[in-house]
N, C-alpha and C. Protein backbone atom coordinates (compact mmCIF):
# COMPACT_ATOMS: atom_id res chain seq x y z
N MET A 1 0.81 -1.18 0.00
CA MET A 1 0.00 0.00 0.00
C MET A 1 0.87 1.26 0.00
N TYR A 2 1.97 1.23 0.76
CA TYR A 2 2.85 2.39 0.79
C TYR A 2 3.48 2.64 -0.57
N LYS A 3 3.67 1.57 -1.35
CA LYS A 3 4.27 1.71 -2.67
C LYS A 3 3.34 2.49 -3.59
N ARG A 4 2.05 2.35 -3.41
CA ARG A 4 1.10 3.07 -4.26
C ARG A 4 0.94 4.53 -3.82
N LEU A 5 0.98 4.80 -2.53
CA LEU A 5 0.78 6.15 -2.01
C LEU A 5 2.03 7.02 -2.13
N MET A 6 3.21 6.39 -2.14
CA MET A 6 4.45 7.16 -2.16
C MET A 6 4.55 8.06 -3.39
N PRO A 7 4.27 7.64 -4.61
CA PRO A 7 4.35 8.55 -5.76
C PRO A 7 3.32 9.69 -5.66
N LEU A 8 2.16 9.38 -5.11
CA LEU A 8 1.15 10.41 -4.95
C LEU A 8 1.61 11.48 -3.95
N ILE A 9 2.19 11.07 -2.84
CA ILE A 9 2.67 12.01 -1.83
C ILE A 9 3.81 12.85 -2.40
N VAL A 10 4.72 12.24 -3.13
CA VAL A 10 5.83 12.97 -3.73
C VAL A 10 5.30 14.00 -4.73
N GLY A 11 4.30 13.63 -5.51
CA GLY A 11 3.71 14.56 -6.48
C GLY A 11 3.05 15.75 -5.80
N VAL A 12 2.33 15.50 -4.73
CA VAL A 12 1.66 16.58 -4.00
C VAL A 12 2.69 17.51 -3.38
N VAL A 13 3.75 16.96 -2.80
CA VAL A 13 4.80 17.78 -2.19
C VAL A 13 5.50 18.62 -3.26
N ALA A 14 5.74 18.03 -4.41
CA ALA A 14 6.41 18.78 -5.49
C ALA A 14 5.53 19.93 -5.97
N LEU A 15 4.24 19.67 -6.13
CA LEU A 15 3.34 20.74 -6.56
C LEU A 15 3.22 21.83 -5.49
N ALA A 16 3.19 21.44 -4.25
CA ALA A 16 3.11 22.43 -3.17
C ALA A 16 4.37 23.28 -3.13
N GLY A 17 5.51 22.69 -3.40
CA GLY A 17 6.76 23.44 -3.42
C GLY A 17 6.79 24.44 -4.56
N CYS A 18 6.23 24.08 -5.70
CA CYS A 18 6.19 25.00 -6.84
C CYS A 18 5.26 26.18 -6.58
N ALA A 19 4.18 25.91 -5.88
CA ALA A 19 3.20 26.96 -5.63
C ALA A 19 3.72 28.00 -4.65
N SER A 20 4.58 27.57 -3.74
CA SER A 20 5.09 28.52 -2.75
C SER A 20 6.58 28.75 -2.94
N GLY A 21 6.98 28.98 -4.15
CA GLY A 21 8.38 29.23 -4.46
C GLY A 21 8.85 30.54 -3.87
N PRO A 22 10.10 30.88 -4.08
CA PRO A 22 10.63 32.11 -3.49
C PRO A 22 9.89 33.33 -4.02
N GLN A 23 9.54 34.18 -3.10
CA GLN A 23 8.82 35.40 -3.45
C GLN A 23 9.81 36.48 -3.84
N SER A 24 9.49 37.18 -4.91
CA SER A 24 10.34 38.29 -5.32
C SER A 24 9.90 39.53 -4.56
N GLY A 25 10.59 40.61 -4.73
CA GLY A 25 10.24 41.86 -4.07
C GLY A 25 9.12 42.57 -4.79
N GLY A 26 8.25 41.86 -5.49
CA GLY A 26 7.17 42.46 -6.27
C GLY A 26 6.17 43.23 -5.42
N SER A 27 5.82 42.72 -4.25
CA SER A 27 4.82 43.40 -3.43
C SER A 27 5.36 44.70 -2.86
N THR A 28 6.63 44.71 -2.49
CA THR A 28 7.19 45.95 -1.96
C THR A 28 7.37 46.98 -3.07
N SER A 29 7.73 46.52 -4.26
CA SER A 29 7.89 47.49 -5.36
C SER A 29 6.52 48.01 -5.80
N THR A 30 5.49 47.18 -5.70
CA THR A 30 4.14 47.63 -6.03
C THR A 30 3.68 48.68 -5.04
N ALA A 31 3.95 48.45 -3.75
CA ALA A 31 3.57 49.43 -2.74
C ALA A 31 4.34 50.73 -2.93
N ALA A 32 5.63 50.61 -3.27
CA ALA A 32 6.43 51.82 -3.50
C ALA A 32 5.92 52.57 -4.72
N ALA A 33 5.53 51.83 -5.75
CA ALA A 33 4.99 52.49 -6.94
C ALA A 33 3.67 53.18 -6.62
N GLY A 34 2.85 52.55 -5.77
CA GLY A 34 1.60 53.16 -5.36
C GLY A 34 1.82 54.45 -4.59
N GLU A 35 2.78 54.44 -3.68
CA GLU A 35 3.10 55.65 -2.93
C GLU A 35 3.64 56.74 -3.84
N GLN A 36 4.40 56.33 -4.86
CA GLN A 36 4.95 57.31 -5.80
C GLN A 36 3.82 57.97 -6.59
N VAL A 37 2.80 57.20 -6.95
CA VAL A 37 1.66 57.76 -7.67
C VAL A 37 0.96 58.80 -6.81
N PHE A 38 0.79 58.51 -5.52
CA PHE A 38 0.13 59.47 -4.63
C PHE A 38 0.96 60.73 -4.44
N THR A 39 2.27 60.56 -4.38
CA THR A 39 3.15 61.72 -4.25
C THR A 39 3.07 62.60 -5.49
N GLU A 40 3.11 61.96 -6.67
CA GLU A 40 3.02 62.72 -7.91
C GLU A 40 1.64 63.37 -8.06
N ALA A 41 0.60 62.67 -7.63
CA ALA A 41 -0.75 63.24 -7.70
C ALA A 41 -0.87 64.45 -6.78
N ASP A 42 -0.28 64.37 -5.60
CA ASP A 42 -0.31 65.52 -4.69
C ASP A 42 0.44 66.72 -5.28
N LYS A 43 1.56 66.44 -5.95
CA LYS A 43 2.31 67.52 -6.60
C LYS A 43 1.48 68.15 -7.73
N ALA A 44 0.78 67.30 -8.49
CA ALA A 44 -0.06 67.82 -9.58
C ALA A 44 -1.21 68.66 -9.03
N ILE A 45 -1.79 68.23 -7.94
CA ILE A 45 -2.88 69.00 -7.32
C ILE A 45 -2.35 70.34 -6.82
N ALA A 46 -1.16 70.31 -6.23
CA ALA A 46 -0.58 71.56 -5.71
C ALA A 46 -0.28 72.54 -6.84
N SER A 47 0.03 72.02 -8.03
CA SER A 47 0.31 72.91 -9.17
C SER A 47 -0.93 73.15 -10.02
N LYS A 48 -2.12 72.91 -9.44
CA LYS A 48 -3.42 73.19 -10.09
C LYS A 48 -3.64 72.36 -11.36
N GLN A 49 -3.11 71.14 -11.38
CA GLN A 49 -3.32 70.22 -12.50
C GLN A 49 -4.17 69.04 -12.02
N GLU A 50 -5.42 69.35 -11.66
CA GLU A 50 -6.29 68.34 -11.08
C GLU A 50 -6.61 67.21 -12.05
N GLU A 51 -6.76 67.53 -13.33
CA GLU A 51 -7.10 66.50 -14.31
C GLU A 51 -5.96 65.50 -14.47
N LYS A 52 -4.72 66.00 -14.44
CA LYS A 52 -3.56 65.11 -14.53
C LYS A 52 -3.52 64.20 -13.30
N ALA A 53 -3.75 64.77 -12.13
CA ALA A 53 -3.76 63.98 -10.90
C ALA A 53 -4.89 62.95 -10.94
N TYR A 54 -6.04 63.36 -11.44
CA TYR A 54 -7.18 62.45 -11.52
C TYR A 54 -6.86 61.27 -12.43
N ALA A 55 -6.23 61.54 -13.58
CA ALA A 55 -5.88 60.47 -14.52
C ALA A 55 -4.86 59.51 -13.89
N MET A 56 -3.90 60.05 -13.17
CA MET A 56 -2.90 59.21 -12.51
C MET A 56 -3.56 58.33 -11.45
N LEU A 57 -4.46 58.91 -10.68
CA LEU A 57 -5.14 58.14 -9.64
C LEU A 57 -6.08 57.10 -10.22
N LYS A 58 -6.70 57.42 -11.34
CA LYS A 58 -7.59 56.46 -12.00
C LYS A 58 -6.79 55.25 -12.47
N ALA A 59 -5.61 55.51 -13.05
CA ALA A 59 -4.74 54.40 -13.47
C ALA A 59 -4.30 53.58 -12.26
N ALA A 60 -4.00 54.25 -11.15
CA ALA A 60 -3.60 53.53 -9.94
C ALA A 60 -4.76 52.70 -9.39
N GLY A 61 -5.97 53.23 -9.49
CA GLY A 61 -7.14 52.49 -9.03
C GLY A 61 -7.40 51.25 -9.87
N GLU A 62 -7.14 51.34 -11.17
CA GLU A 62 -7.31 50.18 -12.03
C GLU A 62 -6.18 49.18 -11.83
N ALA A 63 -4.97 49.66 -11.54
CA ALA A 63 -3.84 48.76 -11.32
C ALA A 63 -3.94 48.04 -9.98
N HIS A 64 -4.51 48.70 -8.99
CA HIS A 64 -4.67 48.11 -7.65
C HIS A 64 -6.14 48.17 -7.27
N PRO A 65 -6.94 47.23 -7.74
CA PRO A 65 -8.39 47.34 -7.57
C PRO A 65 -8.89 47.23 -6.13
N VAL A 66 -8.08 46.72 -5.21
CA VAL A 66 -8.56 46.60 -3.83
C VAL A 66 -8.19 47.79 -2.97
N ASP A 67 -7.39 48.71 -3.49
CA ASP A 67 -6.95 49.87 -2.72
C ASP A 67 -8.01 50.96 -2.80
N LYS A 68 -8.43 51.44 -1.65
CA LYS A 68 -9.46 52.48 -1.61
C LYS A 68 -8.90 53.88 -1.79
N ARG A 69 -7.62 54.07 -1.51
CA ARG A 69 -7.03 55.41 -1.48
C ARG A 69 -7.15 56.18 -2.80
N PRO A 70 -6.92 55.54 -3.96
CA PRO A 70 -7.09 56.33 -5.19
C PRO A 70 -8.52 56.83 -5.37
N TRP A 71 -9.48 56.00 -4.96
CA TRP A 71 -10.88 56.37 -5.14
C TRP A 71 -11.28 57.51 -4.21
N VAL A 72 -10.78 57.48 -2.99
CA VAL A 72 -11.08 58.56 -2.04
C VAL A 72 -10.46 59.86 -2.54
N LYS A 73 -9.22 59.77 -3.03
CA LYS A 73 -8.53 60.96 -3.51
C LYS A 73 -9.24 61.52 -4.75
N MET A 74 -9.69 60.64 -5.66
CA MET A 74 -10.43 61.10 -6.84
C MET A 74 -11.74 61.75 -6.43
N ALA A 75 -12.40 61.18 -5.42
CA ALA A 75 -13.65 61.77 -4.93
C ALA A 75 -13.40 63.16 -4.36
N GLN A 76 -12.30 63.32 -3.64
CA GLN A 76 -11.97 64.64 -3.09
C GLN A 76 -11.68 65.65 -4.20
N ILE A 77 -10.99 65.21 -5.25
CA ILE A 77 -10.69 66.12 -6.36
C ILE A 77 -11.98 66.58 -7.02
N ARG A 78 -12.89 65.65 -7.28
CA ARG A 78 -14.15 66.01 -7.94
C ARG A 78 -15.02 66.85 -7.01
N PHE A 79 -15.01 66.56 -5.72
CA PHE A 79 -15.80 67.35 -4.77
C PHE A 79 -15.30 68.79 -4.74
N ASN A 80 -13.99 68.97 -4.68
CA ASN A 80 -13.43 70.32 -4.64
C ASN A 80 -13.69 71.08 -5.94
N ALA A 81 -13.83 70.34 -7.05
CA ALA A 81 -14.12 70.98 -8.33
C ALA A 81 -15.62 71.26 -8.50
N GLY A 82 -16.44 70.75 -7.60
CA GLY A 82 -17.88 70.98 -7.69
C GLY A 82 -18.59 70.01 -8.61
N VAL A 83 -17.93 68.93 -8.99
CA VAL A 83 -18.54 67.90 -9.84
C VAL A 83 -19.04 66.81 -8.88
N TYR A 84 -20.20 67.06 -8.30
CA TYR A 84 -20.68 66.24 -7.21
C TYR A 84 -21.12 64.85 -7.64
N GLY A 85 -21.61 64.70 -8.85
CA GLY A 85 -22.02 63.38 -9.33
C GLY A 85 -20.85 62.41 -9.38
N GLU A 86 -19.74 62.85 -9.97
CA GLU A 86 -18.55 62.01 -10.03
C GLU A 86 -17.94 61.82 -8.65
N ALA A 87 -18.04 62.83 -7.80
CA ALA A 87 -17.52 62.69 -6.43
C ALA A 87 -18.27 61.59 -5.70
N ILE A 88 -19.58 61.54 -5.88
CA ILE A 88 -20.38 60.49 -5.24
C ILE A 88 -20.00 59.13 -5.79
N THR A 89 -19.84 59.04 -7.12
CA THR A 89 -19.49 57.76 -7.74
C THR A 89 -18.14 57.25 -7.23
N ASN A 90 -17.14 58.13 -7.19
CA ASN A 90 -15.82 57.71 -6.72
C ASN A 90 -15.83 57.36 -5.24
N ALA A 91 -16.59 58.10 -4.45
CA ALA A 91 -16.68 57.79 -3.02
C ALA A 91 -17.39 56.45 -2.81
N GLN A 92 -18.38 56.15 -3.64
CA GLN A 92 -19.05 54.84 -3.54
C GLN A 92 -18.08 53.71 -3.88
N GLU A 93 -17.20 53.94 -4.85
CA GLU A 93 -16.17 52.94 -5.18
C GLU A 93 -15.27 52.71 -3.97
N ALA A 94 -14.89 53.78 -3.29
CA ALA A 94 -14.06 53.63 -2.09
C ALA A 94 -14.81 52.88 -1.00
N LEU A 95 -16.10 53.14 -0.87
CA LEU A 95 -16.89 52.47 0.16
C LEU A 95 -17.08 50.98 -0.14
N GLU A 96 -17.03 50.60 -1.42
CA GLU A 96 -17.08 49.17 -1.74
C GLU A 96 -15.83 48.47 -1.23
N ARG A 97 -14.72 49.18 -1.20
CA ARG A 97 -13.47 48.60 -0.74
C ARG A 97 -13.32 48.69 0.78
N ASP A 98 -13.87 49.74 1.38
CA ASP A 98 -13.83 49.92 2.84
C ASP A 98 -15.12 50.60 3.28
N PRO A 99 -16.09 49.82 3.75
CA PRO A 99 -17.39 50.40 4.12
C PRO A 99 -17.35 51.34 5.32
N ASP A 100 -16.24 51.38 6.05
CA ASP A 100 -16.15 52.22 7.24
C ASP A 100 -15.37 53.51 7.01
N ASP A 101 -15.06 53.84 5.78
CA ASP A 101 -14.27 55.04 5.49
C ASP A 101 -15.13 56.28 5.72
N THR A 102 -14.76 57.08 6.72
CA THR A 102 -15.57 58.24 7.07
C THR A 102 -15.44 59.37 6.05
N VAL A 103 -14.28 59.50 5.42
CA VAL A 103 -14.11 60.55 4.41
C VAL A 103 -15.03 60.28 3.23
N ALA A 104 -15.08 59.03 2.79
CA ALA A 104 -15.95 58.67 1.66
C ALA A 104 -17.42 58.87 2.03
N HIS A 105 -17.80 58.48 3.24
CA HIS A 105 -19.18 58.71 3.68
C HIS A 105 -19.50 60.20 3.71
N SER A 106 -18.58 61.00 4.17
CA SER A 106 -18.80 62.45 4.23
C SER A 106 -18.96 63.04 2.84
N ILE A 107 -18.13 62.60 1.91
CA ILE A 107 -18.23 63.11 0.54
C ILE A 107 -19.57 62.74 -0.07
N VAL A 108 -20.01 61.50 0.15
CA VAL A 108 -21.31 61.08 -0.39
C VAL A 108 -22.43 61.92 0.21
N ALA A 109 -22.40 62.12 1.53
CA ALA A 109 -23.48 62.85 2.19
C ALA A 109 -23.52 64.31 1.77
N VAL A 110 -22.39 64.99 1.82
CA VAL A 110 -22.38 66.42 1.51
C VAL A 110 -22.63 66.66 0.03
N SER A 111 -22.05 65.82 -0.83
CA SER A 111 -22.30 65.97 -2.27
C SER A 111 -23.77 65.74 -2.58
N GLY A 112 -24.35 64.73 -1.95
CA GLY A 112 -25.77 64.46 -2.17
C GLY A 112 -26.65 65.61 -1.72
N LEU A 113 -26.31 66.20 -0.58
CA LEU A 113 -27.08 67.35 -0.09
C LEU A 113 -26.95 68.55 -1.01
N ARG A 114 -25.76 68.76 -1.54
CA ARG A 114 -25.58 69.89 -2.44
C ARG A 114 -26.32 69.69 -3.75
N VAL A 115 -26.32 68.47 -4.26
CA VAL A 115 -27.08 68.19 -5.48
C VAL A 115 -28.57 68.37 -5.22
N ALA A 116 -29.03 67.86 -4.07
CA ALA A 116 -30.46 67.98 -3.74
C ALA A 116 -30.87 69.43 -3.53
N SER A 117 -30.04 70.20 -2.84
CA SER A 117 -30.41 71.60 -2.61
C SER A 117 -30.42 72.39 -3.90
N LYS A 118 -29.52 72.08 -4.81
CA LYS A 118 -29.52 72.77 -6.11
C LYS A 118 -30.78 72.40 -6.90
N ALA A 119 -31.14 71.13 -6.88
CA ALA A 119 -32.34 70.70 -7.59
C ALA A 119 -33.59 71.34 -7.00
N LEU A 120 -33.67 71.41 -5.67
CA LEU A 120 -34.82 72.05 -5.03
C LEU A 120 -34.87 73.54 -5.34
N ALA A 121 -33.71 74.17 -5.37
CA ALA A 121 -33.68 75.60 -5.71
C ALA A 121 -34.14 75.82 -7.14
N ASP A 122 -33.73 74.94 -8.05
CA ASP A 122 -34.17 75.06 -9.44
C ASP A 122 -35.68 74.86 -9.56
N LEU A 123 -36.20 73.87 -8.84
CA LEU A 123 -37.65 73.64 -8.88
C LEU A 123 -38.42 74.80 -8.28
N THR A 124 -37.92 75.33 -7.20
CA THR A 124 -38.59 76.45 -6.55
C THR A 124 -38.58 77.67 -7.45
N ARG A 125 -37.45 77.89 -8.10
CA ARG A 125 -37.34 79.04 -9.00
C ARG A 125 -38.33 78.92 -10.16
N LYS A 126 -38.57 77.71 -10.60
CA LYS A 126 -39.50 77.49 -11.70
C LYS A 126 -40.93 77.29 -11.21
N ASN A 127 -41.15 77.40 -9.90
CA ASN A 127 -42.47 77.23 -9.29
C ASN A 127 -43.08 75.87 -9.59
N ASN A 128 -42.26 74.85 -9.69
CA ASN A 128 -42.77 73.51 -9.95
C ASN A 128 -42.65 72.61 -8.73
N LEU A 129 -42.48 73.19 -7.57
CA LEU A 129 -42.36 72.40 -6.36
C LEU A 129 -43.74 72.28 -5.73
N ASN A 130 -44.42 71.19 -6.05
CA ASN A 130 -45.76 71.00 -5.52
C ASN A 130 -46.04 69.52 -5.37
N GLY A 131 -47.13 69.20 -4.71
CA GLY A 131 -47.59 67.83 -4.59
C GLY A 131 -46.60 66.92 -3.88
N ASP A 132 -46.34 65.77 -4.50
CA ASP A 132 -45.49 64.76 -3.90
C ASP A 132 -44.06 65.25 -3.70
N VAL A 133 -43.56 66.03 -4.64
CA VAL A 133 -42.18 66.52 -4.53
C VAL A 133 -42.04 67.42 -3.31
N LYS A 134 -43.03 68.27 -3.10
CA LYS A 134 -42.96 69.19 -1.96
C LYS A 134 -43.05 68.43 -0.65
N SER A 135 -43.96 67.47 -0.55
CA SER A 135 -44.09 66.72 0.70
C SER A 135 -42.85 65.87 0.95
N GLU A 136 -42.26 65.33 -0.11
CA GLU A 136 -41.03 64.55 0.06
C GLU A 136 -39.88 65.45 0.51
N ALA A 137 -39.81 66.65 -0.04
CA ALA A 137 -38.77 67.60 0.39
C ALA A 137 -38.96 67.97 1.86
N GLN A 138 -40.21 68.14 2.28
CA GLN A 138 -40.46 68.46 3.68
C GLN A 138 -40.09 67.28 4.58
N ASP A 139 -40.37 66.06 4.12
CA ASP A 139 -39.98 64.88 4.90
C ASP A 139 -38.47 64.78 5.02
N LEU A 140 -37.76 65.07 3.93
CA LEU A 140 -36.30 65.05 3.97
C LEU A 140 -35.76 66.12 4.90
N ALA A 141 -36.40 67.28 4.91
CA ALA A 141 -35.97 68.35 5.82
C ALA A 141 -36.15 67.91 7.27
N LYS A 142 -37.27 67.24 7.57
CA LYS A 142 -37.48 66.73 8.93
C LYS A 142 -36.42 65.70 9.29
N LEU A 143 -36.08 64.83 8.33
CA LEU A 143 -35.06 63.82 8.57
C LEU A 143 -33.71 64.48 8.85
N LEU A 144 -33.39 65.52 8.10
CA LEU A 144 -32.14 66.25 8.34
C LEU A 144 -32.14 66.89 9.72
N ARG A 145 -33.27 67.46 10.10
CA ARG A 145 -33.35 68.10 11.42
C ARG A 145 -33.10 67.08 12.53
N THR A 146 -33.71 65.91 12.40
CA THR A 146 -33.52 64.91 13.45
C THR A 146 -32.11 64.34 13.44
N SER A 147 -31.50 64.20 12.26
CA SER A 147 -30.14 63.66 12.22
C SER A 147 -29.13 64.66 12.76
N ILE A 148 -29.40 65.95 12.58
CA ILE A 148 -28.51 66.97 13.13
C ILE A 148 -28.73 67.09 14.63
N GLY A 149 -29.93 66.82 15.07
CA GLY A 149 -30.23 66.91 16.49
C GLY A 149 -30.99 68.16 16.86
N ASP A 150 -31.30 68.98 15.91
CA ASP A 150 -32.06 70.20 16.17
C ASP A 150 -33.50 69.96 15.76
N PRO A 151 -34.44 70.37 16.59
CA PRO A 151 -35.83 70.23 16.18
C PRO A 151 -36.17 71.14 15.00
N ILE A 152 -35.54 72.30 14.96
CA ILE A 152 -35.77 73.24 13.87
C ILE A 152 -34.42 73.79 13.46
N ILE A 153 -34.11 73.70 12.17
CA ILE A 153 -32.82 74.19 11.70
C ILE A 153 -32.76 75.71 11.77
N VAL A 154 -33.74 76.38 11.22
CA VAL A 154 -33.80 77.83 11.28
C VAL A 154 -35.00 78.18 12.13
N PRO A 155 -34.77 78.62 13.36
CA PRO A 155 -35.91 78.89 14.23
C PRO A 155 -36.73 80.07 13.72
N LYS A 156 -38.03 79.91 13.91
CA LYS A 156 -38.92 81.01 13.54
C LYS A 156 -38.75 82.13 14.54
N ASP A 157 -39.08 83.33 14.11
CA ASP A 157 -38.98 84.49 15.00
C ASP A 157 -40.09 84.38 16.03
N THR A 158 -39.72 83.93 17.24
CA THR A 158 -40.73 83.70 18.27
C THR A 158 -41.17 84.99 18.94
N LYS A 159 -40.37 86.01 18.86
CA LYS A 159 -40.74 87.28 19.48
C LYS A 159 -41.71 88.01 18.56
N THR A 160 -42.85 88.31 19.11
CA THR A 160 -43.78 89.11 18.32
C THR A 160 -43.42 90.55 18.53
N LYS A 161 -43.60 91.30 17.51
CA LYS A 161 -43.25 92.71 17.61
C LYS A 161 -44.26 93.40 18.51
N THR A 162 -43.76 93.99 19.57
CA THR A 162 -44.61 94.74 20.48
C THR A 162 -44.22 96.19 20.39
N GLU A 163 -45.21 97.01 20.56
CA GLU A 163 -44.93 98.44 20.53
C GLU A 163 -44.26 98.81 21.84
N PRO A 164 -43.35 99.75 21.78
CA PRO A 164 -42.68 100.14 23.02
C PRO A 164 -43.70 100.73 24.00
N ARG A 165 -43.45 100.46 25.27
CA ARG A 165 -44.36 100.97 26.29
C ARG A 165 -44.25 102.47 26.39
N ARG A 166 -45.39 103.06 26.54
CA ARG A 166 -45.44 104.51 26.72
C ARG A 166 -45.77 104.80 28.18
N ALA A 167 -45.31 105.90 28.62
CA ALA A 167 -45.66 106.31 29.98
C ALA A 167 -47.16 106.58 30.00
N PRO A 168 -47.80 106.20 31.09
CA PRO A 168 -49.24 106.45 31.14
C PRO A 168 -49.51 107.95 31.01
N SER A 169 -50.44 108.21 30.16
CA SER A 169 -50.74 109.64 29.93
C SER A 169 -51.64 110.17 31.04
N VAL A 170 -51.31 111.36 31.50
CA VAL A 170 -52.10 112.03 32.54
C VAL A 170 -53.09 112.92 31.81
N PRO A 171 -54.35 112.84 32.21
CA PRO A 171 -55.30 113.71 31.51
C PRO A 171 -54.92 115.17 31.69
N ALA A 172 -55.11 115.89 30.68
CA ALA A 172 -54.76 117.32 30.69
C ALA A 172 -55.60 118.06 31.73
N GLN A 173 -54.97 119.00 32.42
CA GLN A 173 -55.67 119.80 33.42
C GLN A 173 -56.52 120.84 32.69
N PRO A 174 -57.74 121.01 33.13
CA PRO A 174 -58.55 122.03 32.46
C PRO A 174 -58.01 123.41 32.78
N ALA A 175 -58.13 124.27 31.86
CA ALA A 175 -57.66 125.65 32.04
C ALA A 175 -58.51 126.33 33.10
N PRO A 176 -57.90 127.19 33.91
CA PRO A 176 -58.70 127.87 34.94
C PRO A 176 -59.76 128.75 34.27
N PRO A 177 -60.89 128.81 34.90
CA PRO A 177 -61.96 129.61 34.28
C PRO A 177 -61.57 131.08 34.22
N THR A 178 -61.88 131.65 33.17
CA THR A 178 -61.59 133.09 32.99
C THR A 178 -62.87 133.87 33.19
N LYS A 179 -62.68 135.11 33.58
CA LYS A 179 -63.85 135.98 33.76
C LYS A 179 -64.44 136.28 32.41
N ALA A 180 -65.68 136.38 32.43
CA ALA A 180 -66.37 136.72 31.20
C ALA A 180 -65.93 138.09 30.75
N ALA A 181 -65.84 138.26 29.53
CA ALA A 181 -65.39 139.56 28.99
C ALA A 181 -66.38 140.65 29.39
N SER A 182 -65.82 141.72 29.88
CA SER A 182 -66.67 142.84 30.27
C SER A 182 -66.58 143.92 29.22
N ASN A 183 -67.49 144.76 29.33
CA ASN A 183 -67.52 145.85 28.36
C ASN A 183 -66.56 146.95 28.75
N ASP A 184 -65.82 146.71 29.74
CA ASP A 184 -64.86 147.69 30.21
C ASP A 184 -63.81 147.91 29.14
N LYS A 185 -63.42 149.14 28.97
CA LYS A 185 -62.45 149.43 27.95
C LYS A 185 -61.03 149.27 28.47
N ASP A 186 -60.87 148.89 29.69
CA ASP A 186 -59.55 148.76 30.27
C ASP A 186 -59.04 147.35 30.03
N PRO A 187 -58.04 147.19 29.20
CA PRO A 187 -57.54 145.85 28.94
C PRO A 187 -56.74 145.31 30.12
N PHE A 188 -56.25 146.15 30.99
CA PHE A 188 -55.45 145.69 32.10
C PHE A 188 -56.29 145.51 33.35
N GLY A 189 -57.53 145.57 33.25
CA GLY A 189 -58.41 145.49 34.39
C GLY A 189 -58.35 144.12 35.05
N SER A 190 -58.15 143.12 34.32
CA SER A 190 -58.11 141.79 34.90
C SER A 190 -56.81 141.54 35.65
N LEU A 191 -55.83 142.35 35.40
CA LEU A 191 -54.55 142.18 36.08
C LEU A 191 -54.53 142.85 37.44
N LYS A 192 -55.43 143.66 37.72
CA LYS A 192 -55.42 144.40 38.97
C LYS A 192 -55.83 143.56 40.10
């Protein structure tokens, strides 16, 4: 029986040895190349070449599909440029790789709010905010209030305008009675 199993065991050991052969420095050079891409992207951003940095990070994201960092950085670039749709998309890609990334969650939330507020402003300007859209917007506003922790985001003016208090008016004193005019020709007669 050992004669039959011995070639099988030798074959398995040989295959296992081939599968775990000596590792080259490929993983360290890949990490170094990834860090170099981020350094170059930061330099491009500093020199106001966001599109160049974005292209470099996109290539890094495709080369290293499990790394979230290029996607977060691309989301930040698009967010700062005001391209909120792409910022949300890139942040979602980062969240697929790391669901607990707070920067990506923040980009998604703030970008979404900015897109929603712009859309609501456009609808309001065109006077088309009515019916279901209006009630849904009000529900979303309530949800935002509760998530922020404030019952009312912009408090209404609770002070009613009151007129300033006036001093109580004293009724005017009646003028002292004067003597009836006499036919006397002396105008100074009443002074005597």
